[in-house]
Amino acid sequence: QVQLVESGGGLVQAGGSLRLSCAASGRTFGNSVMGWFRQTPGKEREFVAAITWSSGNIYYADFVKGRFTISRDTAKNTGYLQMNSLKPEDTAVYYCAARRYYSASYSTYYRADEYDFRGQGTQVTVSS
C-alpha cells in the first residue's frame, strides 16, 4: 500500500506561483508513475502532468505547458508540481496519484482511473 499526502495549496493572485508537494510513504515502487490531476465541482478529474519515477519521463496537459513543471526527488519519495503564471481557471482541488507500473502506452498516464493510489487533494484558489 502507498500513502500519498499533498501539501502546498492555497490562495494566490493571478500571475502568482505555488509549489505543490506529494509525499509518498509505504511500499513505493521504483518503476512507478506519479501523476497530478485536478478537479472542480461538477467536472471530472482532469490530467495535469505525470512523471515516471525512475527515468523521469514527463508528460503535460496542453493547457499547462510552459507554466507548470513536474519533478520528483527519489531520495525523499516526494513529487512536486511547480505552478507559475497561475490563472483563475486553474482554481481546483489538485490531487497526486501513483501508478504501480509503467505502461507501454503513455496515454494511460492521462487517465485518473489508471492509477492505483490517490492523495486526499489540496485546494488551489487563484483570484483575479
Foldseek 3Di string as FASTA:
>chain_A
DKAWAKDWADEEAAQAKIKMKIFIDDDAAQQKKKFKWWDDPPDDIFGAKMAGRNPGDIDGDPVCPPFWDWDDDNVRNMIMIIGGRDDQVVWTWMKMFMARHDDPDCVLRRDPVRTDDMYPTDTHGYHD
